[in-house]
PDB file of N, CA and C in Angstrom:
ATOM      1  N   UNK A   1      83.184 196.272 206.553  1.00  0.00           N
ATOM      2  CA  UNK A   1      83.609 195.643 204.598  1.00  0.00           C
ATOM      3  C   UNK A   1      82.673 196.226 203.408  1.00  0.00           C
ATOM      4  N   UNK A   2      82.857 197.213 203.240  1.00  0.00           N
ATOM      5  CA  UNK A   2      82.396 197.763 201.262  1.00  0.00           C
ATOM      6  C   UNK A   2      81.589 196.359 200.799  1.00  0.00           C
ATOM      7  N   UNK A   3      80.730 196.568 200.375  1.00  0.00           N
ATOM      8  CA  UNK A   3      80.161 196.267 199.229  1.00  0.00           C
ATOM      9  C   UNK A   3      80.959 195.569 197.958  1.00  0.00           C
ATOM     10  N   UNK A   4      80.493 194.377 197.315  1.00  0.00           N
ATOM     11  CA  UNK A   4      81.809 194.263 196.181  1.00  0.00           C
ATOM     12  C   UNK A   4      81.540 195.678 195.001  1.00  0.00           C
ATOM     13  N   UNK A   5      80.327 195.874 194.774  1.00  0.00           N
ATOM     14  CA  UNK A   5      80.196 197.059 193.911  1.00  0.00           C
ATOM     15  C   UNK A   5      81.211 198.641 193.769  1.00  0.00           C
ATOM     16  N   UNK A   6      80.833 198.075 195.579  1.00  0.00           N
ATOM     17  CA  UNK A   6      81.885 199.682 195.732  1.00  0.00           C
ATOM     18  C   UNK A   6      83.300 200.263 195.814  1.00  0.00           C
ATOM     19  N   UNK A   7      84.366 200.965 194.939  1.00  0.00           N
ATOM     20  CA  UNK A   7      85.251 200.677 194.965  1.00  0.00           C
ATOM     21  C   UNK A   7      85.654 201.974 195.522  1.00  0.00           C
ATOM     22  N   UNK A   8      86.778 202.950 196.040  1.00  0.00           N
ATOM     23  CA  UNK A   8      87.519 203.968 196.832  1.00  0.00           C
ATOM     24  C   UNK A   8      87.997 204.699 195.384  1.00  0.00           C
ATOM     25  N   UNK A   9      87.363 205.954 195.744  1.00  0.00           N
ATOM     26  CA  UNK A   9      87.946 206.989 194.833  1.00  0.00           C
ATOM     27  C   UNK A   9      89.419 207.589 195.005  1.00  0.00           C
ATOM     28  N   UNK A  10      89.869 207.743 194.356  1.00  0.00           N
ATOM     29  CA  UNK A  10      90.711 208.775 194.631  1.00  0.00           C
ATOM     30  C   UNK A  10      90.201 210.233 194.620  1.00  0.00           C
ATOM     31  N   UNK A  11      91.299 210.792 195.577  1.00  0.00           N
ATOM     32  CA  UNK A  11      91.643 212.657 194.915  1.00  0.00           C
ATOM     33  C   UNK A  11      91.490 212.583 193.987  1.00  0.00           C
ATOM     34  N   UNK A  12      92.812 211.843 193.285  1.00  0.00           N
ATOM     35  CA  UNK A  12      93.185 212.172 191.105  1.00  0.00           C
ATOM     36  C   UNK A  12      91.857 211.893 190.600  1.00  0.00           C
ATOM     37  N   UNK A  13      90.998 211.242 191.038  1.00  0.00           N
ATOM     38  CA  UNK A  13      89.765 210.902 189.972  1.00  0.00           C
ATOM     39  C   UNK A  13      89.201 211.986 190.163  1.00  0.00           C
ATOM     40  N   UNK A  14      88.992 212.368 191.678  1.00  0.00           N
ATOM     41  CA  UNK A  14      87.484 213.567 191.532  1.00  0.00           C
ATOM     42  C   UNK A  14      88.086 214.868 190.725  1.00  0.00           C
ATOM     43  N   UNK A  15      89.112 214.638 190.400  1.00  0.00           N
ATOM     44  CA  UNK A  15      89.650 216.068 189.886  1.00  0.00           C
ATOM     45  C   UNK A  15      90.673 215.863 188.452  1.00  0.00           C
ATOM     46  N   UNK A  16      90.075 214.845 187.841  1.00  0.00           N
ATOM     47  CA  UNK A  16      90.275 214.419 186.748  1.00  0.00           C
ATOM     48  C   UNK A  16      89.579 214.686 185.537  1.00  0.00           C
ATOM     49  N   UNK A  17      90.042 215.447 184.363  1.00  0.00           N
ATOM     50  CA  UNK A  17      89.249 216.333 183.326  1.00  0.00           C
ATOM     51  C   UNK A  17      88.119 214.917 182.888  1.00  0.00           C
ATOM     52  N   UNK A  18      88.436 213.559 182.858  1.00  0.00           N
ATOM     53  CA  UNK A  18      87.563 212.524 182.095  1.00  0.00           C
ATOM     54  C   UNK A  18      87.136 211.401 183.614  1.00  0.00           C
ATOM     55  N   UNK A  19      85.703 211.649 183.894  1.00  0.00           N
ATOM     56  CA  UNK A  19      85.836 210.925 185.260  1.00  0.00           C
ATOM     57  C   UNK A  19      84.732 209.884 184.918  1.00  0.00           C
ATOM     58  N   UNK A  20      84.935 208.756 185.217  1.00  0.00           N
ATOM     59  CA  UNK A  20      84.266 207.716 185.109  1.00  0.00           C
ATOM     60  C   UNK A  20      82.745 207.442 185.757  1.00  0.00           C
ATOM     61  N   UNK A  21      81.575 206.514 185.286  1.00  0.00           N
ATOM     62  CA  UNK A  21      80.330 206.562 186.503  1.00  0.00           C
ATOM     63  C   UNK A  21      80.804 206.289 187.962  1.00  0.00           C
ATOM     64  N   UNK A  22      81.591 205.834 188.245  1.00  0.00           N
ATOM     65  CA  UNK A  22      81.551 205.838 189.856  1.00  0.00           C
ATOM     66  C   UNK A  22      82.057 207.118 190.402  1.00  0.00           C
ATOM     67  N   UNK A  23      83.114 207.644 189.460  1.00  0.00           N
ATOM     68  CA  UNK A  23      83.792 209.253 190.092  1.00  0.00           C
ATOM     69  C   UNK A  23      82.173 210.284 190.217  1.00  0.00           C
ATOM     70  N   UNK A  24      81.689 210.143 188.890  1.00  0.00           N
ATOM     71  CA  UNK A  24      80.486 210.812 188.603  1.00  0.00           C
ATOM     72  C   UNK A  24      78.896 210.306 189.989  1.00  0.00           C
ATOM     73  N   UNK A  25      79.152 209.591 189.389  1.00  0.00           N
ATOM     74  CA  UNK A  25      78.005 209.218 190.911  1.00  0.00           C
ATOM     75  C   UNK A  25      78.079 209.659 192.192  1.00  0.00           C
ATOM     76  N   UNK A  26      79.478 209.862 192.891  1.00  0.00           N
ATOM     77  CA  UNK A  26      80.100 210.270 194.205  1.00  0.00           C
ATOM     78  C   UNK A  26      80.373 211.850 193.942  1.00  0.00           C
ATOM     79  N   UNK A  27      79.878 212.382 192.888  1.00  0.00           N
ATOM     80  CA  UNK A  27      80.030 213.505 192.590  1.00  0.00           C
ATOM     81  C   UNK A  27      78.387 214.198 192.946  1.00  0.00           C
ATOM     82  N   UNK A  28      77.596 213.541 192.523  1.00  0.00           N
ATOM     83  CA  UNK A  28      76.354 214.105 192.072  1.00  0.00           C
ATOM     84  C   UNK A  28      75.432 213.602 193.286  1.00  0.00           C
ATOM     85  N   UNK A  29      75.861 212.245 193.981  1.00  0.00           N
ATOM     86  CA  UNK A  29      75.312 212.024 194.656  1.00  0.00           C
ATOM     87  C   UNK A  29      73.625 210.910 194.163  1.00  0.00           C
ATOM     88  N   UNK A  30      74.350 210.534 192.925  1.00  0.00           N
ATOM     89  CA  UNK A  30      73.126 209.829 191.793  1.00  0.00           C
ATOM     90  C   UNK A  30      73.924 208.388 191.724  1.00  0.00           C
ATOM     91  N   UNK A  31      72.802 207.408 191.926  1.00  0.00           N
ATOM     92  CA  UNK A  31      73.181 205.807 191.452  1.00  0.00           C
ATOM     93  C   UNK A  31      73.284 206.155 189.916  1.00  0.00           C
ATOM     94  N   UNK A  32      74.079 204.806 189.613  1.00  0.00           N
ATOM     95  CA  UNK A  32      74.512 204.934 188.310  1.00  0.00           C
ATOM     96  C   UNK A  32      72.967 204.942 187.622  1.00  0.00           C
ATOM     97  N   UNK A  33      71.762 204.054 187.864  1.00  0.00           N
ATOM     98  CA  UNK A  33      70.730 203.906 187.077  1.00  0.00           C
ATOM     99  C   UNK A  33      70.160 205.192 186.444  1.00  0.00           C
ATOM    100  N   UNK A  34      70.303 206.046 187.914  1.00  0.00           N
ATOM    101  CA  UNK A  34      69.547 207.362 187.838  1.00  0.00           C
ATOM    102  C   UNK A  34      70.806 208.566 186.817  1.00  0.00           C
ATOM    103  N   UNK A  35      71.545 208.283 187.224  1.00  0.00           N
ATOM    104  CA  UNK A  35      72.397 209.038 186.162  1.00  0.00           C
ATOM    105  C   UNK A  35      71.944 208.330 184.414  1.00  0.00           C
ATOM    106  N   UNK A  36      71.977 207.098 184.432  1.00  0.00           N
ATOM    107  CA  UNK A  36      71.766 206.612 182.720  1.00  0.00           C
ATOM    108  C   UNK A  36      70.316 206.994 182.148  1.00  0.00           C
ATOM    109  N   UNK A  37      69.011 206.862 183.797  1.00  0.00           N
ATOM    110  CA  UNK A  37      68.134 207.181 183.151  1.00  0.00           C
ATOM    111  C   UNK A  37      68.064 209.028 182.961  1.00  0.00           C
ATOM    112  N   UNK A  38      68.772 209.723 183.455  1.00  0.00           N
ATOM    113  CA  UNK A  38      68.672 211.231 183.574  1.00  0.00           C
ATOM    114  C   UNK A  38      69.215 211.923 181.543  1.00  0.00           C
ATOM    115  N   UNK A  39      70.598 210.708 181.287  1.00  0.00           N
ATOM    116  CA  UNK A  39      70.948 211.060 180.473  1.00  0.00           C
ATOM    117  C   UNK A  39      70.167 210.691 178.856  1.00  0.00           C
ATOM    118  N   UNK A  40      69.090 209.624 179.281  1.00  0.00           N
ATOM    119  CA  UNK A  40      67.684 209.057 178.405  1.00  0.00           C
ATOM    120  C   UNK A  40      67.203 210.145 178.293  1.00  0.00           C
ATOM    121  N   UNK A  41      66.833 210.938 179.157  1.00  0.00           N
ATOM    122  CA  UNK A  41      65.907 211.986 179.255  1.00  0.00           C
ATOM    123  C   UNK A  41      66.527 213.563 178.712  1.00  0.00           C
ATOM    124  N   UNK A  42      67.620 213.528 178.915  1.00  0.00           N
ATOM    125  CA  UNK A  42      68.151 214.743 178.098  1.00  0.00           C
ATOM    126  C   UNK A  42      68.246 215.812 179.771  1.00  0.00           C
ATOM    127  N   UNK A  43      68.278 215.577 180.399  1.00  0.00           N
ATOM    128  CA  UNK A  43      68.427 216.233 182.041  1.00  0.00           C
ATOM    129  C   UNK A  43      69.902 216.006 182.757  1.00  0.00           C
ATOM    130  N   UNK A  44      70.865 215.360 182.196  1.00  0.00           N
ATOM    131  CA  UNK A  44      72.163 214.805 182.854  1.00  0.00           C
ATOM    132  C   UNK A  44      73.249 214.956 180.946  1.00  0.00           C
ATOM    133  N   UNK A  45      74.246 215.311 181.938  1.00  0.00           N
ATOM    134  CA  UNK A  45      75.528 215.498 180.684  1.00  0.00           C
ATOM    135  C   UNK A  45      75.291 214.005 180.088  1.00  0.00           C
ATOM    136  N   UNK A  46      75.658 213.990 178.602  1.00  0.00           N
ATOM    137  CA  UNK A  46      75.922 212.985 178.134  1.00  0.00           C
ATOM    138  C   UNK A  46      77.115 211.958 178.152  1.00  0.00           C
ATOM    139  N   UNK A  47      77.729 211.306 178.043  1.00  0.00           N
ATOM    140  CA  UNK A  47      79.025 210.287 178.294  1.00  0.00           C
ATOM    141  C   UNK A  47      80.020 210.491 177.315  1.00  0.00           C
ATOM    142  N   UNK A  48      81.007 210.196 177.051  1.00  0.00           N
ATOM    143  CA  UNK A  48      82.246 209.774 175.787  1.00  0.00           C
ATOM    144  C   UNK A  48      82.775 207.966 175.987  1.00  0.00           C
ATOM    145  N   UNK A  49      82.565 207.547 175.103  1.00  0.00           N
ATOM    146  CA  UNK A  49      82.542 206.539 174.939  1.00  0.00           C
ATOM    147  C   UNK A  49      84.398 206.300 174.797  1.00  0.00           C
ATOM    148  N   UNK A  50      85.397 205.873 175.930  1.00  0.00           N
ATOM    149  CA  UNK A  50      86.802 205.805 175.983  1.00  0.00           C
ATOM    150  C   UNK A  50      87.100 204.527 175.829  1.00  0.00           C
ATOM    151  N   UNK A  51      87.589 204.158 174.393  1.00  0.00           N
ATOM    152  CA  UNK A  51      87.953 202.493 175.206  1.00  0.00           C
ATOM    153  C   UNK A  51      86.242 201.643 175.471  1.00  0.00           C
ATOM    154  N   UNK A  52      86.501 200.931 176.385  1.00  0.00           N
ATOM    155  CA  UNK A  52      85.499 200.187 176.543  1.00  0.00           C
ATOM    156  C   UNK A  52      83.874 200.940 177.752  1.00  0.00           C
ATOM    157  N   UNK A  53      85.237 202.011 178.207  1.00  0.00           N
ATOM    158  CA  UNK A  53      84.385 202.535 179.418  1.00  0.00           C
ATOM    159  C   UNK A  53      84.042 204.383 178.682  1.00  0.00           C
ATOM    160  N   UNK A  54      82.544 204.980 180.121  1.00  0.00           N
ATOM    161  CA  UNK A  54      82.111 205.852 179.392  1.00  0.00           C
ATOM    162  C   UNK A  54      82.759 206.778 180.291  1.00  0.00           C
ATOM    163  N   UNK A  55      82.907 207.488 179.902  1.00  0.00           N
ATOM    164  CA  UNK A  55      83.171 208.679 180.863  1.00  0.00           C
ATOM    165  C   UNK A  55      82.832 210.425 180.592  1.00  0.00           C
ATOM    166  N   UNK A  56      82.759 210.903 181.524  1.00  0.00           N
ATOM    167  CA  UNK A  56      82.342 212.406 181.369  1.00  0.00           C
ATOM    168  C   UNK A  56      83.120 213.642 181.458  1.00  0.00           C
ATOM    169  N   UNK A  57      83.219 214.423 181.191  1.00  0.00           N
ATOM    170  CA  UNK A  57      84.065 215.594 181.403  1.00  0.00           C
ATOM    171  C   UNK A  57      83.564 216.152 182.750  1.00  0.00           C
ATOM    172  N   UNK A  58      84.840 216.454 182.911  1.00  0.00           N
ATOM    173  CA  UNK A  58      84.308 217.298 184.610  1.00  0.00           C
ATOM    174  C   UNK A  58      83.594 218.587 184.061  1.00  0.00           C
ATOM    175  N   UNK A  59      83.829 219.655 183.680  1.00  0.00           N
ATOM    176  CA  UNK A  59      83.340 220.509 183.236  1.00  0.00           C
ATOM    177  C   UNK A  59      82.091 220.364 183.153  1.00  0.00           C
ATOM    178  N   UNK A  60      81.454 219.369 182.357  1.00  0.00           N
ATOM    179  CA  UNK A  60      80.563 218.591 181.987  1.00  0.00           C
ATOM    180  C   UNK A  60      79.406 218.620 183.459  1.00  0.00           C
ATOM    181  N   UNK A  61      80.261 217.906 184.305  1.00  0.00           N
ATOM    182  CA  UNK A  61      79.047 217.827 185.416  1.00  0.00           C
ATOM    183  C   UNK A  61      79.089 218.914 186.451  1.00  0.00           C
ATOM    184  N   UNK A  62      80.555 219.154 186.613  1.00  0.00           N
ATOM    185  CA  UNK A  62      80.577 221.077 187.342  1.00  0.00           C
ATOM    186  C   UNK A  62      79.560 221.979 187.173  1.00  0.00           C
ATOM    187  N   UNK A  63      78.757 221.702 185.518  1.00  0.00           N
ATOM    188  CA  UNK A  63      78.358 222.550 185.615  1.00  0.00           C
ATOM    189  C   UNK A  63      76.686 222.109 185.853  1.00  0.00           C
ATOM    190  N   UNK A  64      76.451 220.853 185.385  1.00  0.00           N
ATOM    191  CA  UNK A  64      75.333 219.891 186.019  1.00  0.00           C
ATOM    192  C   UNK A  64      75.116 220.584 187.529  1.00  0.00           C
ATOM    193  N   UNK A  65      76.078 220.387 188.353  1.00  0.00           N
ATOM    194  CA  UNK A  65      76.345 220.561 189.862  1.00  0.00           C
ATOM    195  C   UNK A  65      75.844 221.773 190.235  1.00  0.00           C
ATOM    196  N   UNK A  66      76.005 222.803 189.271  1.00  0.00           N
ATOM    197  CA  UNK A  66      76.030 224.285 189.317  1.00  0.00           C
ATOM    198  C   UNK A  66      74.799 224.323 189.144  1.00  0.00           C
ATOM    199  N   UNK A  67      73.744 223.993 188.216  1.00  0.00           N
ATOM    200  CA  UNK A  67      72.534 223.849 187.850  1.00  0.00           C
ATOM    201  C   UNK A  67      71.699 224.071 189.555  1.00  0.00           C
ATOM    202  N   UNK A  68      72.076 222.026 190.037  1.00  0.00           N
ATOM    203  CA  UNK A  68      70.961 221.439 190.340  1.00  0.00           C
ATOM    204  C   UNK A  68      70.854 222.115 191.690  1.00  0.00           C
ATOM    205  N   UNK A  69      72.614 222.817 192.167  1.00  0.00           N
ATOM    206  CA  UNK A  69      72.753 223.774 193.316  1.00  0.00           C
ATOM    207  C   UNK A  69      72.419 225.002 193.151  1.00  0.00           C
ATOM    208  N   UNK A  70      71.572 225.586 192.112  1.00  0.00           N
ATOM    209  CA  UNK A  70      71.283 227.063 191.538  1.00  0.00           C
ATOM    210  C   UNK A  70      69.682 227.426 192.305  1.00  0.00           C
ATOM    211  N   UNK A  71      69.103 227.821 193.788  1.00  0.00           N
ATOM    212  CA  UNK A  71      68.019 227.538 194.735  1.00  0.00           C
ATOM    213  C   UNK A  71      67.196 228.167 193.520  1.00  0.00           C
ATOM    214  N   UNK A  72      67.247 228.884 192.811  1.00  0.00           N
ATOM    215  CA  UNK A  72      65.916 228.856 191.674  1.00  0.00           C
ATOM    216  C   UNK A  72      65.548 227.570 191.071  1.00  0.00           C
ATOM    217  N   UNK A  73      66.794 226.844 190.647  1.00  0.00           N
ATOM    218  CA  UNK A  73      66.424 225.064 190.369  1.00  0.00           C
ATOM    219  C   UNK A  73      65.997 224.495 191.049  1.00  0.00           C
ATOM    220  N   UNK A  74      66.704 224.593 192.314  1.00  0.00           N
ATOM    221  CA  UNK A  74      66.796 223.155 192.922  1.00  0.00           C
ATOM    222  C   UNK A  74      65.405 222.023 192.837  1.00  0.00           C
ATOM    223  N   UNK A  75      63.777 222.167 193.032  1.00  0.00           N
ATOM    224  CA  UNK A  75      62.947 221.803 193.024  1.00  0.00           C
ATOM    225  C   UNK A  75      62.807 221.388 191.580  1.00  0.00           C
ATOM    226  N   UNK A  76      62.855 222.007 190.469  1.00  0.00           N
ATOM    227  CA  UNK A  76      62.628 221.644 189.401  1.00  0.00           C
ATOM    228  C   UNK A  76      63.602 220.519 188.616  1.00  0.00           C
ATOM    229  N   UNK A  77      64.919 220.602 189.300  1.00  0.00           N
ATOM    230  CA  UNK A  77      65.878 219.541 188.744  1.00  0.00           C
ATOM    231  C   UNK A  77      65.744 218.147 189.536  1.00  0.00           C
ATOM    232  N   UNK A  78      65.237 218.573 190.940  1.00  0.00           N
ATOM    233  CA  UNK A  78      65.295 217.286 191.062  1.00  0.00           C
ATOM    234  C   UNK A  78      63.851 216.432 191.088  1.00  0.00           C
ATOM    235  N   UNK A  79      62.863 216.811 190.331  1.00  0.00           N
ATOM    236  CA  UNK A  79      61.634 215.927 190.126  1.00  0.00           C
ATOM    237  C   UNK A  79      60.554 216.595 191.135  1.00  0.00           C
ATOM    238  N   UNK A  80      61.094 217.530 192.093  1.00  0.00           N
ATOM    239  CA  UNK A  80      60.277 217.835 192.804  1.00  0.00           C
ATOM    240  C   UNK A  80      59.423 219.407 192.151  1.00  0.00           C
ATOM    241  N   UNK A  81      58.382 219.967 192.837  1.00  0.00           N
ATOM    242  CA  UNK A  81      57.685 221.254 192.432  1.00  0.00           C
ATOM    243  C   UNK A  81      58.277 222.032 192.970  1.00  0.00           C
ATOM    244  N   UNK A  82      58.508 223.476 192.546  1.00  0.00           N
ATOM    245  CA  UNK A  82      59.277 223.601 193.149  1.00  0.00           C
ATOM    246  C   UNK A  82      58.278 225.057 194.122  1.00  0.00           C
TER     247      UNK A  82
END
């Protein structure tokens, strides 16, 4: 039985243009607190408020993932010396 704070993510949510924190966390393999900390440090794309929820643009998260997985940036983006 999964923990109460974990919910199943659908394929449609993974491809949606606006993604909630749960989807962003799955896509980036970062915890929610790490995402918000990195936003504060300006090392992660900022969210947009839509009603009571924060959402991220899929293209911003795609760009972040591409930067992090770029072999030249891996150590820098993960907080380790290259």
